[in-house]
Structure formats: C-alpha cells, structure tokens
Amino acid sequence: MSRQSRVGAPPVPRPRLDSEGWSLVEDEVETLFSLSTARVEGRTQVFEDTALRAAVREATGVDHMWRFFFATRVTFSPPLAAGLAPLVRSRVASEARSSFADDLLARGFEKVAKGDAKRARVRSGARAEFTPFKARYRLDDRSLDTEGFLAVWFDDGFVIAGGAYPADLKTVLNEALVEASDAETYREELLDLIREVGA
C-alpha cells in the first residue's frame, strides 16, 4: 500500500477548481514534523493556474508557477487522542507557516515575509488562523511582488490551505497580458478557495 493511499486526499472544492481551470500539479505525502508521541504526516495537493503560466511564458519566455492554491490533510500516527487538538494547534500552525515560507523560497521567490495572523471562519464553521505572506520574484532587472495566505484550522482533523498570486503582473509586463486579473481579484479568489476547503 502506498503512503498516498494511507492518507486521504485533502477536502478541496474539486468541481470548482476544475471548472475554473486549475490543474492538479502535485500530490504528495510527507512527514511534516514529529511530536514526542506521534509522527505528523500531511497529504498535500497543489493546483496551478496553468493558463496564466502559459500566457506569461509566451509573453516573456519565463516559465514559472505564478499562481497556485494548495490544501493539506494532516494525520497523526498514532492518531491524536481526543481533546489534545488544542494543545498541539500552535505547533501545527507554526510548522505550517515555516514550511510555506520554505516552499516559496524553493519555488524561486525571494524576501519572503509573513504578516500578523488573524482569525476568521471558513465555510464549514471552523475558526481558522489566516497568515498573510509577501515575497518577490526577480524577472531580469525587475522584481515581481507576490502575495499569499496560509490558513490552519481544526475541523474533524487539522487542515492547512493556502496559496500565492502575483500582485503587480500587469505593471511588470507592461500590459503584455491583457487578460491578467488584478491583485484584488486574485486575493479574493484565493481566500474564497481556502474557505471552501472542507465545506
């Protein structure tokens, strides 16, 4: 039995993702961290706006993942005992934020910085902790600002969701991408997708 089959897929809004043109580009299981009494694993699915990637590649020759969304289902081995979730929540959130920052760096972003976390409800009714992120991506002699969010909550198990998007794509590319949406649209779409995870 593969590790992937032992850890269920995260509860993403797949019909919406498919209808809006997002493509599943990664589906992996990894050990997130370890506690004194358990190993913490996560199955992560990453979806990309492949149409945007193709458009930027055609306009600039740069091939990069510009806009993505992901969700992770967290599992504990052995399973977390009832009532212990509040005790490990801060550790899960801290590890998730660190992992997200590392992932952005691994994808070629620079100057990754996180903002102050705020709590808000997702559509399942659970209260999530949302952390904003900012980063930059160097394009020749220019830098492209990037924004993102990471959310962590407990709802019949821990869930992590987030993503990133270009904040000033039109400006940097001198309007070469006439179909590119603005940062506010990208932000609202990402936050809406996060809120739908598990709903």
Protein backbone atom coordinates (compact mmCIF):
# COMPACT_ATOMS: atom_id res chain seq x y z
CA MET A 1 0.00 0.00 0.00
CA SER A 2 1.46 3.37 -0.96
CA ARG A 3 1.85 6.18 1.55
CA GLN A 4 -0.53 8.21 -0.59
CA SER A 5 -3.30 5.65 -0.24
CA ARG A 6 -2.96 5.57 3.57
CA VAL A 7 -3.51 9.33 3.87
CA GLY A 8 -6.77 10.64 2.46
CA ALA A 9 -6.84 13.49 -0.02
CA PRO A 10 -7.47 16.94 1.42
CA PRO A 11 -11.12 18.09 1.14
CA VAL A 12 -10.65 20.59 -1.70
CA PRO A 13 -13.53 22.07 -3.76
CA ARG A 14 -12.55 19.97 -6.78
CA PRO A 15 -15.57 20.74 -9.01
CA ARG A 16 -14.89 24.47 -8.67
CA LEU A 17 -11.18 24.05 -9.28
CA ASP A 18 -11.85 22.00 -12.42
CA SER A 19 -14.46 24.43 -13.76
CA GLU A 20 -12.20 27.46 -13.19
CA GLY A 21 -9.23 25.94 -14.98
CA TRP A 22 -6.97 24.97 -12.09
CA SER A 23 -4.73 21.96 -12.76
CA LEU A 24 -3.53 19.46 -10.16
CA VAL A 25 0.28 19.59 -10.44
CA GLU A 26 1.44 17.97 -7.18
CA ASP A 27 0.00 15.29 -4.89
CA GLU A 28 2.43 14.20 -2.20
CA VAL A 29 2.59 12.72 1.28
CA GLU A 30 5.39 13.77 3.61
CA THR A 31 6.28 13.83 7.27
CA LEU A 32 5.60 17.38 8.44
CA PHE A 33 7.21 17.07 11.88
CA SER A 34 7.31 14.77 14.91
CA LEU A 35 5.96 15.06 18.42
CA SER A 36 7.25 13.09 21.39
CA THR A 37 4.36 10.66 20.98
CA ALA A 38 3.43 10.81 17.29
CA ARG A 39 4.61 11.32 13.74
CA VAL A 40 2.71 14.04 11.87
CA GLU A 41 2.15 13.47 8.16
CA GLY A 42 0.36 15.51 5.55
CA ARG A 43 -1.03 14.83 2.12
CA THR A 44 -0.80 17.96 0.03
CA GLN A 45 -2.41 18.69 -3.31
CA VAL A 46 -1.18 21.73 -5.25
CA PHE A 47 -3.25 23.29 -8.03
CA GLU A 48 -1.88 25.79 -10.54
CA ASP A 49 -3.36 28.40 -12.85
CA THR A 50 -1.69 26.82 -15.87
CA ALA A 51 -3.32 29.25 -18.32
CA LEU A 52 -1.59 32.16 -16.57
CA ARG A 53 1.71 30.31 -16.60
CA ALA A 54 1.42 29.69 -20.34
CA ALA A 55 0.48 33.31 -21.03
CA VAL A 56 3.46 34.67 -19.09
CA ARG A 57 5.78 32.18 -20.77
CA GLU A 58 4.55 33.28 -24.19
CA ALA A 59 4.88 36.97 -23.34
CA THR A 60 8.27 36.84 -21.58
CA GLY A 61 9.88 33.45 -22.13
CA VAL A 62 9.92 32.93 -18.33
CA ASP A 63 8.38 29.63 -17.23
CA HIS A 64 7.31 29.78 -13.59
CA MET A 65 4.44 28.89 -11.27
CA TRP A 66 2.87 32.31 -10.70
CA ARG A 67 -0.45 31.48 -9.10
CA PHE A 68 -1.20 28.39 -7.04
CA PHE A 69 -3.54 27.01 -4.39
CA PHE A 70 -2.94 24.07 -2.09
CA ALA A 71 -4.53 22.11 0.72
CA THR A 72 -3.08 19.60 3.17
CA ARG A 73 -4.83 16.92 5.21
CA VAL A 74 -2.86 16.35 8.41
CA THR A 75 -2.75 12.93 10.10
CA PHE A 76 -1.14 11.76 13.33
CA SER A 77 0.42 8.32 13.75
CA PRO A 78 -0.70 7.03 16.19
CA PRO A 79 -3.94 9.04 15.99
CA LEU A 80 -4.25 12.13 18.16
CA ALA A 81 -6.17 11.39 21.35
CA ALA A 82 -9.49 13.13 21.82
CA GLY A 83 -9.17 16.56 23.37
CA LEU A 84 -5.49 17.04 22.52
CA ALA A 85 -6.01 19.12 19.37
CA PRO A 86 -5.96 22.49 21.21
CA LEU A 87 -2.65 21.54 22.83
CA VAL A 88 -0.86 20.95 19.52
CA ARG A 89 -2.66 23.57 17.41
CA SER A 90 0.03 26.23 17.86
CA ARG A 91 2.75 23.73 16.89
CA VAL A 92 0.86 22.69 13.75
CA ALA A 93 0.33 26.35 12.77
CA SER A 94 3.97 27.26 13.43
CA GLU A 95 5.29 24.31 11.41
CA ALA A 96 2.85 25.11 8.58
CA ARG A 97 3.98 28.74 8.37
CA SER A 98 7.63 27.74 8.34
CA SER A 99 7.02 25.08 5.69
CA PHE A 100 5.09 27.53 3.49
CA ALA A 101 7.90 30.10 3.66
CA ASP A 102 10.44 27.40 2.77
CA ASP A 103 8.24 26.27 -0.13
CA LEU A 104 8.09 29.80 -1.55
CA LEU A 105 11.88 30.04 -1.37
CA ALA A 106 12.21 26.65 -3.06
CA ARG A 107 9.96 27.87 -5.88
CA GLY A 108 12.31 30.75 -6.60
CA PHE A 109 10.73 33.57 -4.59
CA GLU A 110 12.88 35.92 -2.52
CA LYS A 111 12.45 38.18 0.52
CA VAL A 112 9.65 36.05 1.94
CA ALA A 113 7.96 37.76 4.89
CA LYS A 114 4.90 36.87 6.93
CA GLY A 115 2.38 39.27 8.41
CA ASP A 116 0.23 39.11 11.52
CA ALA A 117 -2.21 36.22 11.75
CA LYS A 118 -5.93 36.88 12.06
CA ARG A 119 -8.80 34.50 12.81
CA ALA A 120 -11.83 34.07 10.60
CA ARG A 121 -14.39 31.38 9.96
CA VAL A 122 -14.28 29.08 6.96
CA ARG A 123 -17.47 27.74 5.36
CA SER A 124 -17.54 24.59 7.49
CA GLY A 125 -17.95 26.84 10.52
CA ALA A 126 -14.48 26.20 11.93
CA ARG A 127 -12.36 29.15 13.01
CA ALA A 128 -9.12 29.36 11.04
CA GLU A 129 -5.92 31.29 11.59
CA PHE A 130 -5.03 33.22 8.40
CA THR A 131 -1.45 34.46 7.94
CA PRO A 132 -0.57 36.80 5.04
CA PHE A 133 2.74 36.46 3.20
CA LYS A 134 4.68 38.67 0.81
CA ALA A 135 7.57 37.75 -1.45
CA ARG A 136 9.33 38.84 -4.64
CA TYR A 137 10.35 37.09 -7.82
CA ARG A 138 13.17 38.50 -9.92
CA LEU A 139 12.47 38.97 -13.64
CA ASP A 140 15.71 40.08 -15.29
CA ASP A 141 16.24 43.59 -13.88
CA ARG A 142 12.76 43.82 -12.37
CA SER A 143 11.09 42.31 -9.33
CA LEU A 144 7.55 40.99 -9.28
CA ASP A 145 5.69 41.39 -5.98
CA THR A 146 3.83 38.30 -4.83
CA GLU A 147 1.25 37.89 -2.08
CA GLY A 148 -0.16 34.81 -0.41
CA PHE A 149 -2.09 33.40 2.51
CA LEU A 150 -1.79 30.36 4.74
CA ALA A 151 -4.70 29.15 6.86
CA VAL A 152 -4.75 26.45 9.55
CA TRP A 153 -7.75 25.08 11.40
CA PHE A 154 -9.15 22.02 13.14
CA ASP A 155 -12.35 20.51 11.77
CA ASP A 156 -12.54 16.75 12.30
CA GLY A 157 -8.76 16.84 11.91
CA PHE A 158 -6.24 19.56 11.11
CA VAL A 159 -6.43 21.22 7.70
CA ILE A 160 -3.87 23.55 6.11
CA ALA A 161 -4.68 25.56 2.99
CA GLY A 162 -3.17 28.49 1.16
CA GLY A 163 -1.55 29.76 -1.98
CA ALA A 164 0.06 32.72 -3.69
CA TYR A 165 -0.54 35.06 -6.62
CA PRO A 166 1.24 37.91 -8.46
CA ALA A 167 0.42 41.33 -7.04
CA ASP A 168 1.52 43.52 -9.95
CA LEU A 169 1.70 41.31 -13.03
CA LYS A 170 0.30 43.85 -15.50
CA THR A 171 2.70 46.58 -14.42
CA VAL A 172 5.79 44.41 -14.61
CA LEU A 173 4.86 43.00 -18.01
CA ASN A 174 3.79 46.37 -19.41
CA GLU A 175 0.25 45.22 -20.11
CA ALA A 176 1.52 42.31 -22.22
CA LEU A 177 -1.03 40.10 -20.51
CA VAL A 178 -4.28 41.87 -21.22
CA GLU A 179 -6.25 39.03 -19.61
CA ALA A 180 -4.34 39.12 -16.33
CA SER A 181 -6.53 39.90 -13.34
CA ASP A 182 -5.54 42.41 -10.70
CA ALA A 183 -4.22 41.53 -7.25
CA GLU A 184 -7.54 42.21 -5.55
CA THR A 185 -9.32 39.67 -7.77
CA TYR A 186 -6.60 37.08 -7.22
CA ARG A 187 -6.72 37.71 -3.46
CA GLU A 188 -10.48 37.27 -3.19
CA GLU A 189 -10.43 34.13 -5.33
CA LEU A 190 -7.66 32.57 -3.21
CA LEU A 191 -9.36 33.40 0.08
CA ASP A 192 -12.64 32.03 -1.25
CA LEU A 193 -10.98 28.75 -2.28
CA ILE A 194 -9.36 28.44 1.16
CA ARG A 195 -12.69 28.99 2.88
CA GLU A 196 -14.30 26.25 0.76
CA VAL A 197 -11.83 23.56 1.84
CA GLY A 198 -13.74 21.00 3.87
CA ALA A 199 -17.09 22.76 3.41
